[in-house]
């Protein structure tokens, strides 16, 4: 990117995306832009919220590659044989890993804020979430659940690997990519959680009291870390000559399997499908945290942001401004 493009980009960030803390842009595997804001730098780590879900999707794929999981049509309760199913609850017995990956698992709760309060008050997020599964909805219905749901996938990974999710991720994903996630983090109260959300220095992955890392949120990464994940997908799972995750899983997880019709959004396996034709996909989290990659243009954009309740659409920023600038250096 030339200096004129960079100046224009940073002016727009200051005007419309003021909580953006760091951004990395890669094209064809090379860094064309890396910059930090709000006194942040490459050493900082940020809570990436629901981007965590897409990382969990990668770990499920690695577990499949290694034979820990037979296939994603295995029933969830097969992994928790001691879980007591109440009389008359038939729907829960048919819910599969695929349902969790595609956000088509049904849940009993109706009022989300109330359920989320109870979720954060629980010491055992896995059991709490299993207790929410079922109800009267069909397993074909899309229902995006920002919090409740992915923890079951974390629980499955623990069951089949005998490791914590963080240890499994460190061994099979983070360390090979040069990503550091230092420790599991447990909150003793709401104040500690709020401090975590605002922090730019904590490196870790949140865990509940039982030691299971959260599935839908709670991971901290740097913009460079996030860009490496995007590049891994463009590389079809290869990194430094090693197949980290199978190309087949990369393809499967980033094609449409369900759809949030109300929002007009396509969904893969815990990845958002931005453009099917270009094979452009994204991991998206609250506050404007994004890993975006586009196979047609060879572009990866990672954005880490400071905690904020409302922020402008980062995907529109990438699609309408960054990619056109990269495709025409004269702009």
Protein backbone atom coordinates (compact mmCIF):
# COMPACT_ATOMS: atom_id res chain seq x y z
CA UNK A 1 0.00 0.00 0.00
CA UNK A 2 1.32 3.44 -0.86
CA UNK A 3 1.52 6.33 1.58
CA UNK A 4 -1.56 8.02 0.19
CA UNK A 5 -3.63 4.86 0.70
CA UNK A 6 -2.29 4.39 4.20
CA UNK A 7 -3.03 7.98 5.19
CA UNK A 8 -6.57 7.68 3.85
CA UNK A 9 -7.10 4.36 5.60
CA UNK A 10 -5.90 5.65 8.95
CA UNK A 11 -8.02 8.77 8.61
CA UNK A 12 -11.08 6.60 8.13
CA UNK A 13 -10.14 4.44 11.10
CA UNK A 14 -9.85 7.52 13.31
CA UNK A 15 -13.22 8.77 12.10
CA UNK A 16 -15.38 5.63 12.02
CA UNK A 17 -13.52 2.80 13.78
CA UNK A 18 -12.03 4.51 16.80
CA UNK A 19 -11.86 1.37 18.99
CA UNK A 20 -9.64 -0.42 16.46
CA UNK A 21 -6.42 -1.32 18.25
CA UNK A 22 -4.40 -3.18 15.65
CA UNK A 23 -4.68 -4.34 12.06
CA UNK A 24 -2.61 -6.59 9.83
CA UNK A 25 -3.15 -6.96 6.08
CA UNK A 26 -1.50 -9.76 4.11
CA UNK A 27 -1.62 -10.28 0.36
CA UNK A 28 -0.23 -13.41 -1.23
CA UNK A 29 1.39 -14.28 2.08
CA UNK A 30 3.26 -11.00 2.50
CA UNK A 31 2.55 -8.26 5.04
CA UNK A 32 1.44 -5.09 3.23
CA UNK A 33 0.21 -3.26 6.32
CA UNK A 34 0.63 -3.62 10.08
CA UNK A 35 -0.24 -0.84 12.45
CA UNK A 36 -1.41 -0.32 16.03
CA UNK A 37 -3.48 2.36 17.71
CA UNK A 38 -4.24 3.59 21.25
CA UNK A 39 -0.61 3.07 22.35
CA UNK A 40 -0.82 -0.65 21.50
CA UNK A 41 1.87 -2.64 19.72
CA UNK A 42 2.63 -6.16 18.53
CA UNK A 43 3.09 -7.40 22.10
CA UNK A 44 -0.51 -6.69 23.11
CA UNK A 45 -3.21 -9.33 23.28
CA UNK A 46 -6.94 -8.75 22.93
CA UNK A 47 -10.08 -10.63 23.89
CA UNK A 48 -11.39 -11.61 20.45
CA UNK A 49 -14.81 -12.73 21.69
CA UNK A 50 -16.61 -14.96 19.13
CA UNK A 51 -13.52 -15.33 16.96
CA UNK A 52 -12.86 -18.03 19.55
CA UNK A 53 -15.60 -20.13 17.91
CA UNK A 54 -13.70 -20.32 14.64
CA UNK A 55 -10.53 -21.39 16.46
CA UNK A 56 -12.59 -24.11 18.13
CA UNK A 57 -13.76 -25.22 14.68
CA UNK A 58 -10.13 -25.71 13.68
CA UNK A 59 -9.51 -27.82 16.79
CA UNK A 60 -12.51 -30.03 16.02
CA UNK A 61 -11.05 -30.56 12.54
CA UNK A 62 -7.67 -31.51 13.97
CA UNK A 63 -9.37 -33.95 16.35
CA UNK A 64 -11.10 -35.51 13.33
CA UNK A 65 -7.81 -35.72 11.43
CA UNK A 66 -6.20 -37.50 14.37
CA UNK A 67 -9.08 -39.95 14.81
CA UNK A 68 -10.23 -38.67 18.20
CA UNK A 69 -13.65 -38.00 16.67
CA UNK A 70 -15.09 -40.42 14.09
CA UNK A 71 -17.31 -37.95 12.27
CA UNK A 72 -19.38 -34.86 13.00
CA UNK A 73 -22.64 -36.78 12.84
CA UNK A 74 -21.83 -38.43 16.14
CA UNK A 75 -24.46 -37.70 18.78
CA UNK A 76 -23.42 -35.19 21.43
CA UNK A 77 -24.64 -37.37 24.29
CA UNK A 78 -22.43 -40.25 23.10
CA UNK A 79 -19.53 -38.28 24.59
CA UNK A 80 -21.30 -37.77 27.92
CA UNK A 81 -22.85 -41.16 28.73
CA UNK A 82 -23.40 -40.27 32.39
CA UNK A 83 -25.46 -37.18 31.59
CA UNK A 84 -28.98 -37.76 32.97
CA UNK A 85 -31.60 -37.24 30.26
CA UNK A 86 -34.98 -36.35 31.73
CA UNK A 87 -38.02 -38.40 30.84
CA UNK A 88 -39.71 -37.23 27.66
CA UNK A 89 -36.70 -35.31 26.34
CA UNK A 90 -36.20 -36.88 22.91
CA UNK A 91 -34.79 -33.98 20.90
CA UNK A 92 -31.57 -33.76 22.89
CA UNK A 93 -30.75 -37.38 22.08
CA UNK A 94 -30.54 -36.60 18.36
CA UNK A 95 -28.35 -33.50 18.51
CA UNK A 96 -25.01 -33.98 16.76
CA UNK A 97 -21.63 -32.28 16.57
CA UNK A 98 -22.73 -31.00 13.16
CA UNK A 99 -25.68 -29.20 14.79
CA UNK A 100 -23.31 -27.41 17.16
CA UNK A 101 -20.95 -26.44 14.34
CA UNK A 102 -23.73 -25.07 12.13
CA UNK A 103 -25.76 -23.34 14.88
CA UNK A 104 -28.71 -25.64 14.23
CA UNK A 105 -28.87 -27.13 17.72
CA UNK A 106 -32.15 -26.35 19.55
CA UNK A 107 -32.17 -24.84 23.03
CA UNK A 108 -34.83 -24.60 25.71
CA UNK A 109 -34.23 -21.02 26.79
CA UNK A 110 -36.26 -18.20 25.23
CA UNK A 111 -35.06 -15.03 26.93
CA UNK A 112 -31.37 -14.76 26.06
CA UNK A 113 -30.23 -12.09 28.54
CA UNK A 114 -31.65 -14.08 31.47
CA UNK A 115 -29.97 -17.26 30.21
CA UNK A 116 -26.67 -15.44 29.78
CA UNK A 117 -26.73 -14.14 33.35
CA UNK A 118 -27.23 -17.69 34.59
CA UNK A 119 -24.47 -18.87 32.25
CA UNK A 120 -21.92 -16.48 33.73
CA UNK A 121 -22.96 -17.44 37.26
CA UNK A 122 -22.36 -21.13 36.60
CA UNK A 123 -19.20 -22.91 37.76
CA UNK A 124 -19.75 -25.75 35.28
CA UNK A 125 -20.45 -24.28 31.84
CA UNK A 126 -20.57 -27.67 30.13
CA UNK A 127 -23.33 -29.06 32.34
CA UNK A 128 -25.19 -25.75 32.23
CA UNK A 129 -25.13 -25.82 28.44
CA UNK A 130 -26.15 -29.47 28.20
CA UNK A 131 -29.11 -28.62 30.41
CA UNK A 132 -30.17 -25.98 27.87
CA UNK A 133 -30.15 -28.36 24.90
CA UNK A 134 -33.45 -29.58 23.51
CA UNK A 135 -36.87 -28.02 23.66
CA UNK A 136 -39.42 -27.90 20.86
CA UNK A 137 -37.36 -26.46 18.00
CA UNK A 138 -36.14 -28.64 15.13
CA UNK A 139 -32.45 -29.37 14.62
CA UNK A 140 -32.66 -27.90 11.10
CA UNK A 141 -33.49 -24.42 12.41
CA UNK A 142 -30.61 -21.92 12.55
CA UNK A 143 -30.23 -20.22 15.91
CA UNK A 144 -27.09 -18.22 16.50
CA UNK A 145 -26.05 -18.57 20.13
CA UNK A 146 -23.19 -16.20 21.02
CA UNK A 147 -22.46 -17.92 24.34
CA UNK A 148 -24.46 -21.04 24.97
CA UNK A 149 -23.50 -24.03 22.84
CA UNK A 150 -19.79 -24.06 21.87
CA UNK A 151 -18.74 -25.08 25.40
CA UNK A 152 -20.12 -28.52 24.57
CA UNK A 153 -17.55 -28.80 21.78
CA UNK A 154 -14.85 -27.86 24.31
CA UNK A 155 -16.16 -30.60 26.58
CA UNK A 156 -16.04 -33.12 23.73
CA UNK A 157 -12.41 -32.23 22.98
CA UNK A 158 -11.49 -32.78 26.61
CA UNK A 159 -13.30 -36.13 26.65
CA UNK A 160 -11.66 -37.50 23.49
CA UNK A 161 -8.12 -36.11 23.84
CA UNK A 162 -7.61 -36.33 27.58
CA UNK A 163 -6.12 -32.83 27.45
CA UNK A 164 -7.39 -29.37 28.18
CA UNK A 165 -8.51 -27.47 25.10
CA UNK A 166 -5.64 -25.01 25.62
CA UNK A 167 -3.04 -27.79 25.80
CA UNK A 168 -4.47 -29.51 22.72
CA UNK A 169 -4.53 -26.20 20.84
CA UNK A 170 -1.02 -25.35 21.97
CA UNK A 171 0.41 -28.64 20.78
CA UNK A 172 -1.44 -28.89 17.48
CA UNK A 173 -2.19 -25.33 16.36
CA UNK A 174 -0.69 -22.48 18.37
CA UNK A 175 2.90 -23.67 18.72
CA UNK A 176 3.26 -24.74 15.05
CA UNK A 177 2.00 -21.29 13.98
CA UNK A 178 4.14 -19.40 16.49
CA UNK A 179 1.14 -18.25 18.51
CA UNK A 180 1.47 -17.85 22.27
CA UNK A 181 -1.54 -18.26 24.55
CA UNK A 182 0.04 -18.31 27.96
CA UNK A 183 -2.44 -19.79 30.40
CA UNK A 184 -5.98 -20.68 31.36
CA UNK A 185 -7.74 -17.80 33.10
CA UNK A 186 -10.43 -18.26 35.74
CA UNK A 187 -12.62 -15.42 36.98
CA UNK A 188 -13.53 -15.26 40.64
CA UNK A 189 -16.06 -12.47 40.12
CA UNK A 190 -17.66 -10.22 37.51
CA UNK A 191 -15.10 -7.48 38.13
CA UNK A 192 -12.27 -9.75 37.02
CA UNK A 193 -14.16 -10.65 33.86
CA UNK A 194 -14.77 -6.99 33.03
CA UNK A 195 -11.08 -6.26 33.55
CA UNK A 196 -10.23 -9.12 31.19
CA UNK A 197 -12.49 -7.71 28.49
CA UNK A 198 -10.75 -4.33 28.72
CA UNK A 199 -7.22 -5.66 29.05
CA UNK A 200 -4.61 -5.51 26.30
CA UNK A 201 -1.92 -7.39 28.22
CA UNK A 202 -3.47 -10.66 29.37
CA UNK A 203 -2.54 -13.74 27.35
CA UNK A 204 -4.77 -16.75 27.86
CA UNK A 205 -8.01 -18.62 27.38
CA UNK A 206 -10.84 -18.39 29.89
CA UNK A 207 -11.83 -21.53 31.78
CA UNK A 208 -14.64 -22.39 34.15
CA UNK A 209 -14.16 -23.85 37.63
CA UNK A 210 -14.09 -27.39 36.22
CA UNK A 211 -11.13 -26.52 33.99
CA UNK A 212 -12.87 -26.52 30.59
CA UNK A 213 -11.89 -23.65 28.32
CA UNK A 214 -14.75 -21.62 26.92
CA UNK A 215 -15.87 -22.44 23.39
CA UNK A 216 -17.62 -19.31 22.20
CA UNK A 217 -15.50 -16.53 23.71
CA UNK A 218 -12.61 -15.96 26.11
CA UNK A 219 -9.49 -16.32 23.93
CA UNK A 220 -6.88 -13.57 23.59
CA UNK A 221 -4.84 -13.12 20.42
CA UNK A 222 -2.74 -10.48 18.70
CA UNK A 223 -3.48 -9.17 15.20
CA UNK A 224 -0.46 -11.10 13.91
CA UNK A 225 -1.78 -14.30 15.52
CA UNK A 226 -5.14 -13.75 13.85
CA UNK A 227 -3.53 -13.08 10.47
CA UNK A 228 -1.65 -16.37 10.74
CA UNK A 229 -4.94 -18.21 11.21
CA UNK A 230 -6.34 -16.53 8.09
CA UNK A 231 -3.22 -17.39 6.11
CA UNK A 232 -3.43 -21.00 7.31
CA UNK A 233 -6.83 -21.18 5.65
CA UNK A 234 -5.53 -19.66 2.41
CA UNK A 235 -2.71 -22.22 2.54
CA UNK A 236 -5.31 -25.01 2.76
CA UNK A 237 -4.03 -26.06 6.15
CA UNK A 238 -0.29 -25.98 5.37
CA UNK A 239 2.24 -24.07 7.47
CA UNK A 240 6.00 -24.14 6.91
CA UNK A 241 5.68 -27.36 4.92
CA UNK A 242 3.55 -29.13 7.53
CA UNK A 243 -0.13 -30.02 7.17
CA UNK A 244 -1.58 -28.54 10.38
CA UNK A 245 -5.16 -29.36 9.44
CA UNK A 246 -6.51 -31.27 6.47
CA UNK A 247 -7.41 -29.37 3.31
CA UNK A 248 -10.69 -31.26 3.33
CA UNK A 249 -11.68 -29.75 6.69
CA UNK A 250 -10.65 -26.29 5.51
CA UNK A 251 -12.97 -26.71 2.53
CA UNK A 252 -15.83 -28.21 4.54
CA UNK A 253 -15.78 -25.65 7.31
CA UNK A 254 -15.87 -22.69 4.91
CA UNK A 255 -18.78 -23.66 2.70
CA UNK A 256 -22.40 -22.91 3.50
CA UNK A 257 -24.15 -25.42 5.75
CA UNK A 258 -26.80 -23.18 7.31
CA UNK A 259 -28.19 -19.69 6.97
CA UNK A 260 -29.34 -16.94 9.32
CA UNK A 261 -32.20 -15.94 7.06
CA UNK A 262 -33.28 -12.93 9.10
CA UNK A 263 -29.82 -11.38 8.72
CA UNK A 264 -29.10 -12.79 5.27
CA UNK A 265 -25.89 -14.39 6.53
CA UNK A 266 -24.44 -17.72 5.43
CA UNK A 267 -22.70 -20.01 7.91
CA UNK A 268 -20.17 -22.83 7.63
CA UNK A 269 -18.75 -24.68 10.62
CA UNK A 270 -18.39 -21.77 13.08
CA UNK A 271 -17.16 -19.55 10.21
CA UNK A 272 -19.20 -16.87 8.40
CA UNK A 273 -19.36 -17.13 4.61
CA UNK A 274 -18.96 -13.63 3.18
CA UNK A 275 -18.79 -14.41 -0.55
CA UNK A 276 -19.28 -17.93 -1.91
CA UNK A 277 -17.97 -17.12 -5.39
CA UNK A 278 -14.70 -15.65 -4.10
CA UNK A 279 -14.52 -18.08 -1.18
CA UNK A 280 -14.26 -15.19 1.25
CA UNK A 281 -14.93 -16.06 4.89
CA UNK A 282 -14.58 -14.53 8.31
CA UNK A 283 -14.35 -15.20 12.00
CA UNK A 284 -16.17 -12.36 13.72
CA UNK A 285 -16.33 -11.30 17.35
CA UNK A 286 -17.91 -8.52 19.38
CA UNK A 287 -16.31 -5.06 19.38
CA UNK A 288 -15.14 -5.53 15.79
CA UNK A 289 -12.63 -8.38 16.10
CA UNK A 290 -12.20 -10.09 12.74
CA UNK A 291 -10.16 -12.64 10.84
CA UNK A 292 -11.01 -12.29 7.15
CA UNK A 293 -9.60 -14.14 4.18
CA UNK A 294 -10.42 -14.10 0.48
CA UNK A 295 -9.15 -16.97 -1.66
CA UNK A 296 -9.78 -15.10 -4.93
CA UNK A 297 -7.60 -12.13 -4.00
CA UNK A 298 -5.13 -13.81 -1.65
CA UNK A 299 -5.97 -11.23 0.99
CA UNK A 300 -6.01 -11.72 4.76
CA UNK A 301 -7.15 -8.97 7.11
CA UNK A 302 -7.04 -9.27 10.88
CA UNK A 303 -8.48 -6.62 13.15
CA UNK A 304 -8.22 -6.54 16.94
CA UNK A 305 -10.31 -4.02 18.83
CA UNK A 306 -10.76 -2.55 22.25
CA UNK A 307 -13.90 -3.52 24.11
CA UNK A 308 -16.91 -1.48 22.95
CA UNK A 309 -20.68 -1.98 22.92
CA UNK A 310 -21.26 -0.70 19.42
CA UNK A 311 -18.97 -0.50 16.42
CA UNK A 312 -19.27 -0.16 12.67
CA UNK A 313 -19.21 -3.19 10.39
CA UNK A 314 -15.62 -4.27 9.81
CA UNK A 315 -16.53 -6.53 6.90
CA UNK A 316 -18.00 -3.58 5.00
CA UNK A 317 -14.78 -1.68 5.78
CA UNK A 318 -12.69 -4.52 4.36
CA UNK A 319 -14.85 -5.20 1.30
CA UNK A 320 -15.58 -1.60 0.35
CA UNK A 321 -12.27 0.02 1.15
CA UNK A 322 -9.30 -2.22 1.85
CA UNK A 323 -9.73 -4.78 -0.94
CA UNK A 324 -10.38 -2.23 -3.70
CA UNK A 325 -7.25 -0.32 -2.62
CA UNK A 326 -5.18 -3.50 -2.77
CA UNK A 327 -6.47 -4.40 -6.23
CA UNK A 328 -5.59 -0.97 -7.68
CA UNK A 329 -2.32 0.51 -6.37
CA UNK A 330 -3.08 3.75 -8.22
CA UNK A 331 -6.04 4.52 -5.95
